[in-house]
C-alpha atoms as a PDB file:
ATOM      1  CA  MET A   1      20.203  51.147  -3.476  1.00  0.00           C
ATOM      2  CA  PHE A   2      17.300  48.667  -3.580  1.00  0.00           C
ATOM      3  CA  GLU A   3      17.580  48.300  -7.365  1.00  0.00           C
ATOM      4  CA  ALA A   4      21.285  47.445  -7.077  1.00  0.00           C
ATOM      5  CA  ASP A   5      20.604  44.892  -4.332  1.00  0.00           C
ATOM      6  CA  GLY A   6      17.780  43.374  -6.377  1.00  0.00           C
ATOM      7  CA  ALA A   7      19.965  43.103  -9.477  1.00  0.00           C
ATOM      8  CA  LEU A   8      22.749  41.519  -7.423  1.00  0.00           C
ATOM      9  CA  ALA A   9      20.339  38.999  -5.894  1.00  0.00           C
ATOM     10  CA  LEU A  10      18.921  38.170  -9.316  1.00  0.00           C
ATOM     11  CA  SER A  11      22.419  37.721 -10.719  1.00  0.00           C
ATOM     12  CA  ALA A  12      23.359  35.420  -7.816  1.00  0.00           C
ATOM     13  CA  PHE A  13      20.192  33.408  -8.417  1.00  0.00           C
ATOM     14  CA  PHE A  14      21.084  32.829 -12.078  1.00  0.00           C
ATOM     15  CA  VAL A  15      24.607  31.771 -11.139  1.00  0.00           C
ATOM     16  CA  PHE A  16      23.144  29.307  -8.632  1.00  0.00           C
ATOM     17  CA  VAL A  17      20.714  27.888 -11.209  1.00  0.00           C
ATOM     18  CA  ASN A  18      23.489  27.430 -13.783  1.00  0.00           C
ATOM     19  CA  ARG A  19      25.663  25.602 -11.256  1.00  0.00           C
ATOM     20  CA  MET A  20      22.829  23.305 -10.294  1.00  0.00           C
ATOM     21  CA  LYS A  21      21.932  22.379 -13.898  1.00  0.00           C
ATOM     22  CA  SER A  22      22.715  18.653 -13.576  1.00  0.00           C
ATOM     23  CA  LEU A  23      20.771  18.401 -10.335  1.00  0.00           C
ATOM     24  CA  LEU A  24      17.809  20.202 -11.863  1.00  0.00           C
ATOM     25  CA  ILE A  25      17.855  17.953 -14.932  1.00  0.00           C
ATOM     26  CA  LEU A  26      17.936  14.869 -12.692  1.00  0.00           C
ATOM     27  CA  ALA A  27      15.073  16.208 -10.574  1.00  0.00           C
ATOM     28  CA  ALA A  28      13.007  17.011 -13.667  1.00  0.00           C
ATOM     29  CA  VAL A  29      13.533  13.530 -15.079  1.00  0.00           C
ATOM     30  CA  LEU A  30      12.659  11.856 -11.792  1.00  0.00           C
ATOM     31  CA  LEU A  31       9.616  14.052 -11.164  1.00  0.00           C
ATOM     32  CA  GLY A  32       8.402  13.253 -14.674  1.00  0.00           C
ATOM     33  CA  PHE A  33       7.627   9.708 -13.582  1.00  0.00           C
ATOM     34  CA  SER A  34       4.488   8.869 -11.667  1.00  0.00           C
ATOM     35  CA  ALA A  35       4.607   6.346  -8.843  1.00  0.00           C
ATOM     36  CA  SER A  36       3.746   3.538 -11.266  1.00  0.00           C
ATOM     37  CA  SER A  37       6.150   4.530 -14.052  1.00  0.00           C
ATOM     38  CA  SER A  38       9.473   2.879 -14.771  1.00  0.00           C
ATOM     39  CA  PHE A  39      12.415   3.499 -17.049  1.00  0.00           C
ATOM     40  CA  ALA A  40      11.385   0.392 -19.022  1.00  0.00           C
ATOM     41  CA  GLN A  41       8.384   2.378 -20.279  1.00  0.00           C
ATOM     42  CA  MET A  42      10.526   5.182 -21.738  1.00  0.00           C
ATOM     43  CA  GLU A  43      10.789   5.581 -25.483  1.00  0.00           C
ATOM     44  CA  GLY A  44      14.040   6.037 -27.360  1.00  0.00           C
ATOM     45  CA  LEU A  45      16.200   3.825 -25.156  1.00  0.00           C
ATOM     46  CA  THR A  46      19.455   2.438 -26.530  1.00  0.00           C
ATOM     47  CA  PRO A  47      19.849  -1.373 -26.550  1.00  0.00           C
ATOM     48  CA  ILE A  48      21.991  -1.298 -23.376  1.00  0.00           C
ATOM     49  CA  GLU A  49      19.462   0.969 -21.631  1.00  0.00           C
ATOM     50  CA  ARG A  50      16.643  -1.387 -22.655  1.00  0.00           C
ATOM     51  CA  GLU A  51      18.581  -4.386 -21.229  1.00  0.00           C
ATOM     52  CA  VAL A  52      19.185  -2.595 -17.923  1.00  0.00           C
ATOM     53  CA  ALA A  53      15.566  -1.388 -17.806  1.00  0.00           C
ATOM     54  CA  GLU A  54      14.305  -4.957 -18.128  1.00  0.00           C
ATOM     55  CA  THR A  55      16.428  -6.046 -15.161  1.00  0.00           C
ATOM     56  CA  THR A  56      15.611  -3.038 -12.989  1.00  0.00           C
ATOM     57  CA  ASN A  57      11.902  -3.483 -13.672  1.00  0.00           C
ATOM     58  CA  LYS A  58      11.781  -6.635 -11.516  1.00  0.00           C
ATOM     59  CA  ASP A  59      10.588  -6.799  -7.904  1.00  0.00           C
ATOM     60  CA  GLU A  60      14.126  -7.305  -6.586  1.00  0.00           C
ATOM     61  CA  ILE A  61      16.497  -4.479  -5.777  1.00  0.00           C
ATOM     62  CA  THR A  62      18.948  -3.813  -8.602  1.00  0.00           C
ATOM     63  CA  ILE A  63      22.090  -1.728  -8.249  1.00  0.00           C
ATOM     64  CA  VAL A  64      23.474  -0.165 -11.417  1.00  0.00           C
ATOM     65  CA  HIS A  65      27.113   0.855 -11.032  1.00  0.00           C
ATOM     66  CA  PHE A  66      28.938   2.899 -13.685  1.00  0.00           C
ATOM     67  CA  TRP A  67      32.693   2.360 -13.480  1.00  0.00           C
ATOM     68  CA  ALA A  68      35.950   2.156 -15.454  1.00  0.00           C
ATOM     69  CA  PRO A  69      39.112   0.130 -14.761  1.00  0.00           C
ATOM     70  CA  TRP A  70      41.325   3.249 -14.968  1.00  0.00           C
ATOM     71  CA  CYS A  71      39.268   5.149 -12.359  1.00  0.00           C
ATOM     72  CA  GLU A  72      41.098   5.319  -9.006  1.00  0.00           C
ATOM     73  CA  ASN A  73      37.850   5.747  -7.039  1.00  0.00           C
ATOM     74  CA  CYS A  74      36.401   2.677  -8.773  1.00  0.00           C
ATOM     75  CA  LYS A  75      39.521   0.675  -7.918  1.00  0.00           C
ATOM     76  CA  ALA A  76      39.297   1.778  -4.290  1.00  0.00           C
ATOM     77  CA  GLU A  77      35.774   0.321  -4.061  1.00  0.00           C
ATOM     78  CA  LEU A  78      37.097  -3.061  -5.195  1.00  0.00           C
ATOM     79  CA  LYS A  79      39.912  -3.211  -2.610  1.00  0.00           C
ATOM     80  CA  ASN A  80      39.550  -5.378   0.471  1.00  0.00           C
ATOM     81  CA  GLY A  81      36.669  -7.271  -1.132  1.00  0.00           C
ATOM     82  CA  GLY A  82      34.344  -4.245  -1.124  1.00  0.00           C
ATOM     83  CA  TRP A  83      31.893  -5.115  -3.899  1.00  0.00           C
ATOM     84  CA  ARG A  84      32.419  -8.878  -3.603  1.00  0.00           C
ATOM     85  CA  ASN A  85      31.604  -8.822   0.111  1.00  0.00           C
ATOM     86  CA  PHE A  86      28.554  -6.647  -0.502  1.00  0.00           C
ATOM     87  CA  MET A  87      27.242  -9.096  -3.118  1.00  0.00           C
ATOM     88  CA  GLU A  88      27.877 -12.112  -0.876  1.00  0.00           C
ATOM     89  CA  VAL A  89      25.821 -10.556   1.918  1.00  0.00           C
ATOM     90  CA  ASN A  90      23.093  -9.381  -0.486  1.00  0.00           C
ATOM     91  CA  ARG A  91      22.406 -12.380  -2.737  1.00  0.00           C
ATOM     92  CA  GLU A  92      18.864 -11.119  -3.392  1.00  0.00           C
ATOM     93  CA  VAL A  93      20.229  -7.855  -4.863  1.00  0.00           C
ATOM     94  CA  ASN A  94      21.099  -7.799  -8.569  1.00  0.00           C
ATOM     95  CA  VAL A  95      24.278  -5.823  -9.289  1.00  0.00           C
ATOM     96  CA  ILE A  96      25.009  -4.553 -12.791  1.00  0.00           C
ATOM     97  CA  PHE A  97      28.400  -2.992 -13.486  1.00  0.00           C
ATOM     98  CA  ILE A  98      28.417  -0.875 -16.635  1.00  0.00           C
ATOM     99  CA  THR A  99      31.929  -0.261 -17.882  1.00  0.00           C
ATOM    100  CA  THR A 100      31.964   3.166 -19.464  1.00  0.00           C
ATOM    101  CA  TRP A 101      34.488   5.541 -20.983  1.00  0.00           C
ATOM    102  CA  ASN A 102      36.828   2.589 -21.639  1.00  0.00           C
ATOM    103  CA  ASP A 103      37.824   0.505 -24.697  1.00  0.00           C
ATOM    104  CA  ASP A 104      37.472  -2.913 -23.051  1.00  0.00           C
ATOM    105  CA  ASP A 105      34.912  -4.188 -20.564  1.00  0.00           C
ATOM    106  CA  GLY A 106      37.334  -4.389 -17.610  1.00  0.00           C
ATOM    107  CA  LYS A 107      36.352  -7.975 -16.838  1.00  0.00           C
ATOM    108  CA  ALA A 108      39.993  -8.985 -16.230  1.00  0.00           C
ATOM    109  CA  GLU A 109      40.353  -6.282 -13.571  1.00  0.00           C
ATOM    110  CA  LEU A 110      37.100  -7.328 -11.888  1.00  0.00           C
ATOM    111  CA  ALA A 111      38.033 -11.029 -12.028  1.00  0.00           C
ATOM    112  CA  LYS A 112      41.082 -10.311  -9.827  1.00  0.00           C
ATOM    113  CA  THR A 113      38.689  -9.335  -7.029  1.00  0.00           C
ATOM    114  CA  GLY A 114      36.285 -12.279  -7.407  1.00  0.00           C
ATOM    115  CA  VAL A 115      33.363 -10.020  -8.333  1.00  0.00           C
ATOM    116  CA  THR A 116      32.732 -11.760 -11.653  1.00  0.00           C
ATOM    117  CA  GLU A 117      32.107 -15.085  -9.874  1.00  0.00           C
ATOM    118  CA  GLU A 118      29.190 -13.763  -7.840  1.00  0.00           C
ATOM    119  CA  PRO A 119      25.821 -15.181  -9.026  1.00  0.00           C
ATOM    120  CA  ASN A 120      24.056 -11.821  -8.633  1.00  0.00           C
ATOM    121  CA  PHE A 121      26.639  -9.934 -10.752  1.00  0.00           C
ATOM    122  CA  LYS A 122      26.296  -8.869 -14.372  1.00  0.00           C
ATOM    123  CA  LEU A 123      28.843  -6.935 -16.448  1.00  0.00           C
ATOM    124  CA  LEU A 124      27.847  -4.762 -19.386  1.00  0.00           C
ATOM    125  CA  HIS A 125      30.080  -2.617 -21.581  1.00  0.00           C
ATOM    126  CA  HIS A 126      28.669   0.691 -22.802  1.00  0.00           C
ATOM    127  CA  PRO A 127      29.192   0.935 -26.576  1.00  0.00           C
ATOM    128  CA  ASN A 128      30.321   4.577 -26.409  1.00  0.00           C
ATOM    129  CA  THR A 129      33.873   4.082 -25.134  1.00  0.00           C
ATOM    130  CA  SER A 130      35.153   7.630 -25.613  1.00  0.00           C
ATOM    131  CA  ARG A 131      36.671   9.459 -22.630  1.00  0.00           C
ATOM    132  CA  ALA A 132      36.668  12.801 -24.463  1.00  0.00           C
ATOM    133  CA  LYS A 133      34.174  14.972 -22.609  1.00  0.00           C
ATOM    134  CA  ALA A 134      32.512  16.237 -25.804  1.00  0.00           C
ATOM    135  CA  GLU A 135      32.029  12.714 -27.198  1.00  0.00           C
ATOM    136  CA  ARG A 136      31.490  10.425 -24.226  1.00  0.00           C
ATOM    137  CA  MET A 137      28.269   8.988 -22.880  1.00  0.00           C
ATOM    138  CA  ASN A 138      26.907  11.600 -20.512  1.00  0.00           C
ATOM    139  CA  SER A 139      23.480  10.243 -19.636  1.00  0.00           C
ATOM    140  CA  PHE A 140      21.698   6.947 -19.123  1.00  0.00           C
ATOM    141  CA  PHE A 141      17.891   6.756 -19.114  1.00  0.00           C
ATOM    142  CA  HIS A 142      18.161  10.509 -19.841  1.00  0.00           C
ATOM    143  CA  VAL A 143      19.649  10.979 -16.354  1.00  0.00           C
ATOM    144  CA  PRO A 144      23.064  12.705 -16.235  1.00  0.00           C
ATOM    145  CA  VAL A 145      26.165  10.563 -15.693  1.00  0.00           C
ATOM    146  CA  ASP A 146      29.142  12.871 -15.459  1.00  0.00           C
ATOM    147  CA  TRP A 147      31.370  11.236 -12.862  1.00  0.00           C
ATOM    148  CA  LEU A 148      32.713   7.786 -12.093  1.00  0.00           C
ATOM    149  CA  PRO A 149      31.829   5.868 -10.116  1.00  0.00           C
ATOM    150  CA  THR A 150      28.096   6.501 -10.175  1.00  0.00           C
ATOM    151  CA  THR A 151      25.800   4.091  -8.309  1.00  0.00           C
ATOM    152  CA  TRP A 152      22.014   3.877  -8.614  1.00  0.00           C
ATOM    153  CA  VAL A 153      19.558   1.763  -6.591  1.00  0.00           C
ATOM    154  CA  PHE A 154      16.358   0.588  -8.331  1.00  0.00           C
ATOM    155  CA  LYS A 155      13.267  -1.311  -7.265  1.00  0.00           C
ATOM    156  CA  LYS A 156      10.376  -2.226  -9.553  1.00  0.00           C
ATOM    157  CA  GLY A 157      11.772  -0.043 -12.311  1.00  0.00           C
ATOM    158  CA  GLN A 158      12.004   3.059 -10.162  1.00  0.00           C
ATOM    159  CA  LEU A 159      15.228   4.848  -9.361  1.00  0.00           C
ATOM    160  CA  ARG A 160      15.112   4.988  -5.574  1.00  0.00           C
ATOM    161  CA  TYR A 161      18.577   6.413  -4.839  1.00  0.00           C
ATOM    162  CA  ALA A 162      21.405   7.904  -6.903  1.00  0.00           C
ATOM    163  CA  LEU A 163      24.980   8.323  -5.675  1.00  0.00           C
ATOM    164  CA  ASN A 164      26.507  10.343  -8.475  1.00  0.00           C
ATOM    165  CA  TYR A 165      29.855  11.606  -7.245  1.00  0.00           C
ATOM    166  CA  GLY A 166      32.518   9.225  -6.014  1.00  0.00           C
ATOM    167  CA  GLU A 167      33.207   6.102  -4.038  1.00  0.00           C
ATOM    168  CA  VAL A 168      30.317   4.347  -2.400  1.00  0.00           C
ATOM    169  CA  ARG A 169      30.512   3.539   1.289  1.00  0.00           C
ATOM    170  CA  PHE A 170      29.130   0.054   1.632  1.00  0.00           C
ATOM    171  CA  SER A 171      27.463   0.779   4.976  1.00  0.00           C
ATOM    172  CA  LEU A 172      25.526   3.585   3.265  1.00  0.00           C
ATOM    173  CA  LEU A 173      24.695   1.380   0.274  1.00  0.00           C
ATOM    174  CA  GLN A 174      23.460  -1.336   2.660  1.00  0.00           C
ATOM    175  CA  GLN A 175      21.169   1.210   4.321  1.00  0.00           C
ATOM    176  CA  LEU A 176      19.833   2.360   0.947  1.00  0.00           C
ATOM    177  CA  VAL A 177      19.059  -1.261   0.009  1.00  0.00           C
ATOM    178  CA  ARG A 178      17.177  -1.719   3.302  1.00  0.00           C
ATOM    179  CA  ASP A 179      15.266   1.513   2.767  1.00  0.00           C
ATOM    180  CA  ALA A 180      14.417   0.654  -0.843  1.00  0.00           C
ATOM    181  CA  ASN A 181      12.950  -2.660   0.339  1.00  0.00           C
ATOM    182  CA  GLU A 182      10.590  -0.949   2.762  1.00  0.00           C
ATOM    183  CA  SER A 183       7.149   0.274   1.879  1.00  0.00           C
ATOM    184  CA  TRP A 184       7.288   3.951   1.042  1.00  0.00           C
ATOM    185  CA  GLU A 185       3.846   4.512   2.434  1.00  0.00           C
ATOM    186  CA  ARG A 186       3.945   6.036   5.875  1.00  0.00           C
ATOM    187  CA  SER A 187       0.927   6.648   8.024  1.00  0.00           C
ATOM    188  CA  GLY A 188       0.384  10.369   8.502  1.00  0.00           C
ATOM    189  CA  THR A 189       2.839  11.308   5.753  1.00  0.00           C
ATOM    190  CA  LYS A 190       1.532  13.360   2.851  1.00  0.00           C
ATOM    191  CA  SER A 191       2.216  12.238  -0.693  1.00  0.00           C
ATOM    192  CA  VAL A 192       3.801  14.589  -3.201  1.00  0.00           C
ATOM    193  CA  SER A 193       0.427  15.113  -4.914  1.00  0.00           C
ATOM    194  CA  GLU A 194      -1.143  16.094  -1.566  1.00  0.00           C
ATOM    195  CA  ILE A 195       1.574  18.657  -0.914  1.00  0.00           C
ATOM    196  CA  ARG A 196       1.127  20.389  -4.289  1.00  0.00           C
END
């Protein structure tokens, strides 16, 4: 009986690990960086990754947002002034939209919402425009990107927060920006190296 239960538990564990593959890859990538490391220091970056790394390596908060004009969730974020209002309130935050899985850059769609006129906005177009799952861009900085929209918050070259599955709630994004601006040193809190 025990052997059967043990085999079942082991089988369930392997199923769990396989389902969590993207999360584990992301965790491994993020844990591979020390507190002073940044994506700008990585080797083998594509030209678009290098350009984004240079911007995210600054002292200011930078939001990197992967989107496509055909994506209904991406369109929903633009309604009612969503991104434009966020950028107006957060002039000190750099916002980079990376159009992905699309033939054109989507600038015309964004212009309808006023986003392209914001001084803290930058639009980039990923060179791999394929939407076919086997061919499309599926990572950036070696971190998985498998859903649109995907929104990342950086400070000083470090990925502080990653929202990888669906529409961003701007109240949550505002909180993440506030948290990323705070010192991560807390009195009485152990560092990761102290816990190990």
